[in-house]
Amino acid sequence: MDIDTLTEEVVRRLMEKITHEQLALAAQAPAQDGPEQTGACAEGACKAGADAMTPSPKKQVITQIHAANIAPGSKITYPKGTIITPLARDTFKERGVSVEII
């Protein structure tokens, strides 16, 4: 198994573990009485509880191998939630690649 595959697997397992732990804590937490929700949350635009803690199944992990395959001087855009490893960030910087997360 190469290092990039191993890194992606470790990140995936950590995300699963964190999510399961957060869901367990949310299920154990007593309901809190608080002020009435206003704005976007009152209109249902924000999520609460377990749904808000469930990670997107489409999260990407960008590794040095991915970064090395991008043409020098390019501009690349990744979706919000994309994980970029430190070595990939260094590779992008060395190659003059502009990275935007949207």
C-alpha atoms as a PDB file:
ATOM      1  CA  MET A   1       0.000   0.000   0.000  1.00  0.00           C
ATOM      2  CA  ASP A   2       1.499   3.364  -0.967  1.00  0.00           C
ATOM      3  CA  ILE A   3       1.608   6.337   1.393  1.00  0.00           C
ATOM      4  CA  ASP A   4      -1.176   8.249  -0.355  1.00  0.00           C
ATOM      5  CA  THR A   5      -3.582   5.328  -0.181  1.00  0.00           C
ATOM      6  CA  LEU A   6      -2.661   4.803   3.466  1.00  0.00           C
ATOM      7  CA  THR A   7      -3.165   8.516   4.233  1.00  0.00           C
ATOM      8  CA  GLU A   8      -6.581   8.532   2.562  1.00  0.00           C
ATOM      9  CA  GLU A   9      -7.642   5.436   4.504  1.00  0.00           C
ATOM     10  CA  VAL A  10      -6.485   6.908   7.834  1.00  0.00           C
ATOM     11  CA  VAL A  11      -8.371  10.159   7.189  1.00  0.00           C
ATOM     12  CA  ARG A  12     -11.510   8.245   6.161  1.00  0.00           C
ATOM     13  CA  ARG A  13     -11.416   6.116   9.316  1.00  0.00           C
ATOM     14  CA  LEU A  14     -10.818   9.143  11.538  1.00  0.00           C
ATOM     15  CA  MET A  15     -13.775  10.961   9.981  1.00  0.00           C
ATOM     16  CA  GLU A  16     -15.987   7.921  10.586  1.00  0.00           C
ATOM     17  CA  LYS A  17     -14.843   7.626  14.206  1.00  0.00           C
ATOM     18  CA  ILE A  18     -15.315  11.320  14.923  1.00  0.00           C
ATOM     19  CA  THR A  19     -18.770  11.272  13.347  1.00  0.00           C
ATOM     20  CA  HIS A  20     -19.872   8.229  15.350  1.00  0.00           C
ATOM     21  CA  GLU A  21     -18.586   9.796  18.587  1.00  0.00           C
ATOM     22  CA  GLN A  22     -20.365  13.093  17.854  1.00  0.00           C
ATOM     23  CA  LEU A  23     -23.610  11.295  17.059  1.00  0.00           C
ATOM     24  CA  ALA A  24     -23.382   9.337  20.307  1.00  0.00           C
ATOM     25  CA  LEU A  25     -22.783  12.531  22.290  1.00  0.00           C
ATOM     26  CA  ALA A  26     -25.655  14.314  20.539  1.00  0.00           C
ATOM     27  CA  ALA A  27     -27.984  11.416  21.339  1.00  0.00           C
ATOM     28  CA  GLN A  28     -26.996  11.514  25.027  1.00  0.00           C
ATOM     29  CA  ALA A  29     -27.241  15.285  25.420  1.00  0.00           C
ATOM     30  CA  PRO A  30     -30.461  16.491  27.021  1.00  0.00           C
ATOM     31  CA  ALA A  31     -32.590  18.898  25.061  1.00  0.00           C
ATOM     32  CA  GLN A  32     -31.768  22.460  25.991  1.00  0.00           C
ATOM     33  CA  ASP A  33     -34.348  25.122  26.502  1.00  0.00           C
ATOM     34  CA  GLY A  34     -33.203  28.295  24.906  1.00  0.00           C
ATOM     35  CA  PRO A  35     -34.337  31.317  22.984  1.00  0.00           C
ATOM     36  CA  GLU A  36     -36.556  30.800  20.003  1.00  0.00           C
ATOM     37  CA  GLN A  37     -34.638  30.419  16.770  1.00  0.00           C
ATOM     38  CA  THR A  38     -34.798  33.328  14.401  1.00  0.00           C
ATOM     39  CA  GLY A  39     -33.543  34.077  10.936  1.00  0.00           C
ATOM     40  CA  ALA A  40     -32.392  31.323   8.599  1.00  0.00           C
ATOM     41  CA  CYS A  41     -32.525  28.595  11.268  1.00  0.00           C
ATOM     42  CA  ALA A  42     -36.149  29.318  12.070  1.00  0.00           C
ATOM     43  CA  GLU A  43     -36.929  29.011   8.379  1.00  0.00           C
ATOM     44  CA  GLY A  44     -35.238  25.594   8.210  1.00  0.00           C
ATOM     45  CA  ALA A  45     -32.163  26.751   6.290  1.00  0.00           C
ATOM     46  CA  CYS A  46     -29.730  25.312   8.818  1.00  0.00           C
ATOM     47  CA  LYS A  47     -29.450  21.762  10.043  1.00  0.00           C
ATOM     48  CA  ALA A  48     -29.355  20.674  13.667  1.00  0.00           C
ATOM     49  CA  GLY A  49     -28.510  17.509  15.538  1.00  0.00           C
ATOM     50  CA  ALA A  50     -27.135  14.404  13.867  1.00  0.00           C
ATOM     51  CA  ASP A  51     -27.689  15.636  10.304  1.00  0.00           C
ATOM     52  CA  ALA A  52     -25.342  18.576  10.850  1.00  0.00           C
ATOM     53  CA  MET A  53     -22.578  16.250  12.042  1.00  0.00           C
ATOM     54  CA  THR A  54     -22.733  13.772   9.184  1.00  0.00           C
ATOM     55  CA  PRO A  55     -19.800  14.365   6.831  1.00  0.00           C
ATOM     56  CA  SER A  56     -20.330  14.533   3.123  1.00  0.00           C
ATOM     57  CA  PRO A  57     -19.529  11.186   1.531  1.00  0.00           C
ATOM     58  CA  LYS A  58     -17.866  13.046  -1.342  1.00  0.00           C
ATOM     59  CA  LYS A  59     -15.001  14.625   0.619  1.00  0.00           C
ATOM     60  CA  GLN A  60     -11.734  14.404  -1.241  1.00  0.00           C
ATOM     61  CA  VAL A  61      -8.249  14.006   0.166  1.00  0.00           C
ATOM     62  CA  ILE A  62      -5.686  15.723  -2.037  1.00  0.00           C
ATOM     63  CA  THR A  63      -2.190  14.292  -1.641  1.00  0.00           C
ATOM     64  CA  GLN A  64       1.246  15.161  -2.980  1.00  0.00           C
ATOM     65  CA  ILE A  65       0.691  12.741  -5.865  1.00  0.00           C
ATOM     66  CA  HIS A  66      -2.422  14.665  -6.916  1.00  0.00           C
ATOM     67  CA  ALA A  67      -0.624  18.005  -6.536  1.00  0.00           C
ATOM     68  CA  ALA A  68       2.373  16.851  -8.585  1.00  0.00           C
ATOM     69  CA  ASN A  69       0.065  16.031 -11.506  1.00  0.00           C
ATOM     70  CA  ILE A  70      -1.291  19.584 -11.783  1.00  0.00           C
ATOM     71  CA  ALA A  71       0.434  21.722 -14.419  1.00  0.00           C
ATOM     72  CA  PRO A  72       2.755  24.374 -12.931  1.00  0.00           C
ATOM     73  CA  GLY A  73       1.171  27.810 -12.746  1.00  0.00           C
ATOM     74  CA  SER A  74      -2.362  26.433 -12.923  1.00  0.00           C
ATOM     75  CA  LYS A  75      -5.351  27.555 -10.918  1.00  0.00           C
ATOM     76  CA  ILE A  76      -7.422  24.740  -9.424  1.00  0.00           C
ATOM     77  CA  THR A  77     -10.666  24.808  -7.482  1.00  0.00           C
ATOM     78  CA  TYR A  78     -11.832  22.211  -4.960  1.00  0.00           C
ATOM     79  CA  PRO A  79     -15.186  21.983  -3.183  1.00  0.00           C
ATOM     80  CA  LYS A  80     -15.525  23.075   0.436  1.00  0.00           C
ATOM     81  CA  GLY A  81     -14.554  20.273   2.781  1.00  0.00           C
ATOM     82  CA  THR A  82     -11.716  18.987   0.613  1.00  0.00           C
ATOM     83  CA  ILE A  83      -8.752  17.876   2.708  1.00  0.00           C
ATOM     84  CA  ILE A  84      -5.368  18.924   1.332  1.00  0.00           C
ATOM     85  CA  THR A  85      -2.372  17.276   2.980  1.00  0.00           C
ATOM     86  CA  PRO A  86       0.510  19.507   4.110  1.00  0.00           C
ATOM     87  CA  LEU A  87       2.847  17.940   1.546  1.00  0.00           C
ATOM     88  CA  ALA A  88       0.301  18.602  -1.206  1.00  0.00           C
ATOM     89  CA  ARG A  89       0.077  22.255  -0.100  1.00  0.00           C
ATOM     90  CA  ASP A  90       3.881  22.516  -0.248  1.00  0.00           C
ATOM     91  CA  THR A  91       3.893  20.938  -3.716  1.00  0.00           C
ATOM     92  CA  PHE A  92       1.241  23.371  -4.967  1.00  0.00           C
ATOM     93  CA  LYS A  93       3.280  26.293  -3.605  1.00  0.00           C
ATOM     94  CA  GLU A  94       6.538  25.038  -5.164  1.00  0.00           C
ATOM     95  CA  ARG A  95       4.834  24.589  -8.541  1.00  0.00           C
ATOM     96  CA  GLY A  96       3.061  27.965  -8.420  1.00  0.00           C
ATOM     97  CA  VAL A  97      -0.380  26.399  -8.418  1.00  0.00           C
ATOM     98  CA  SER A  98      -3.170  28.582  -7.080  1.00  0.00           C
ATOM     99  CA  VAL A  99      -5.696  26.611  -5.011  1.00  0.00           C
ATOM    100  CA  GLU A 100      -9.183  27.895  -4.264  1.00  0.00           C
ATOM    101  CA  ILE A 101     -11.703  26.167  -1.990  1.00  0.00           C
ATOM    102  CA  ILE A 102     -15.343  27.026  -2.726  1.00  0.00           C
END
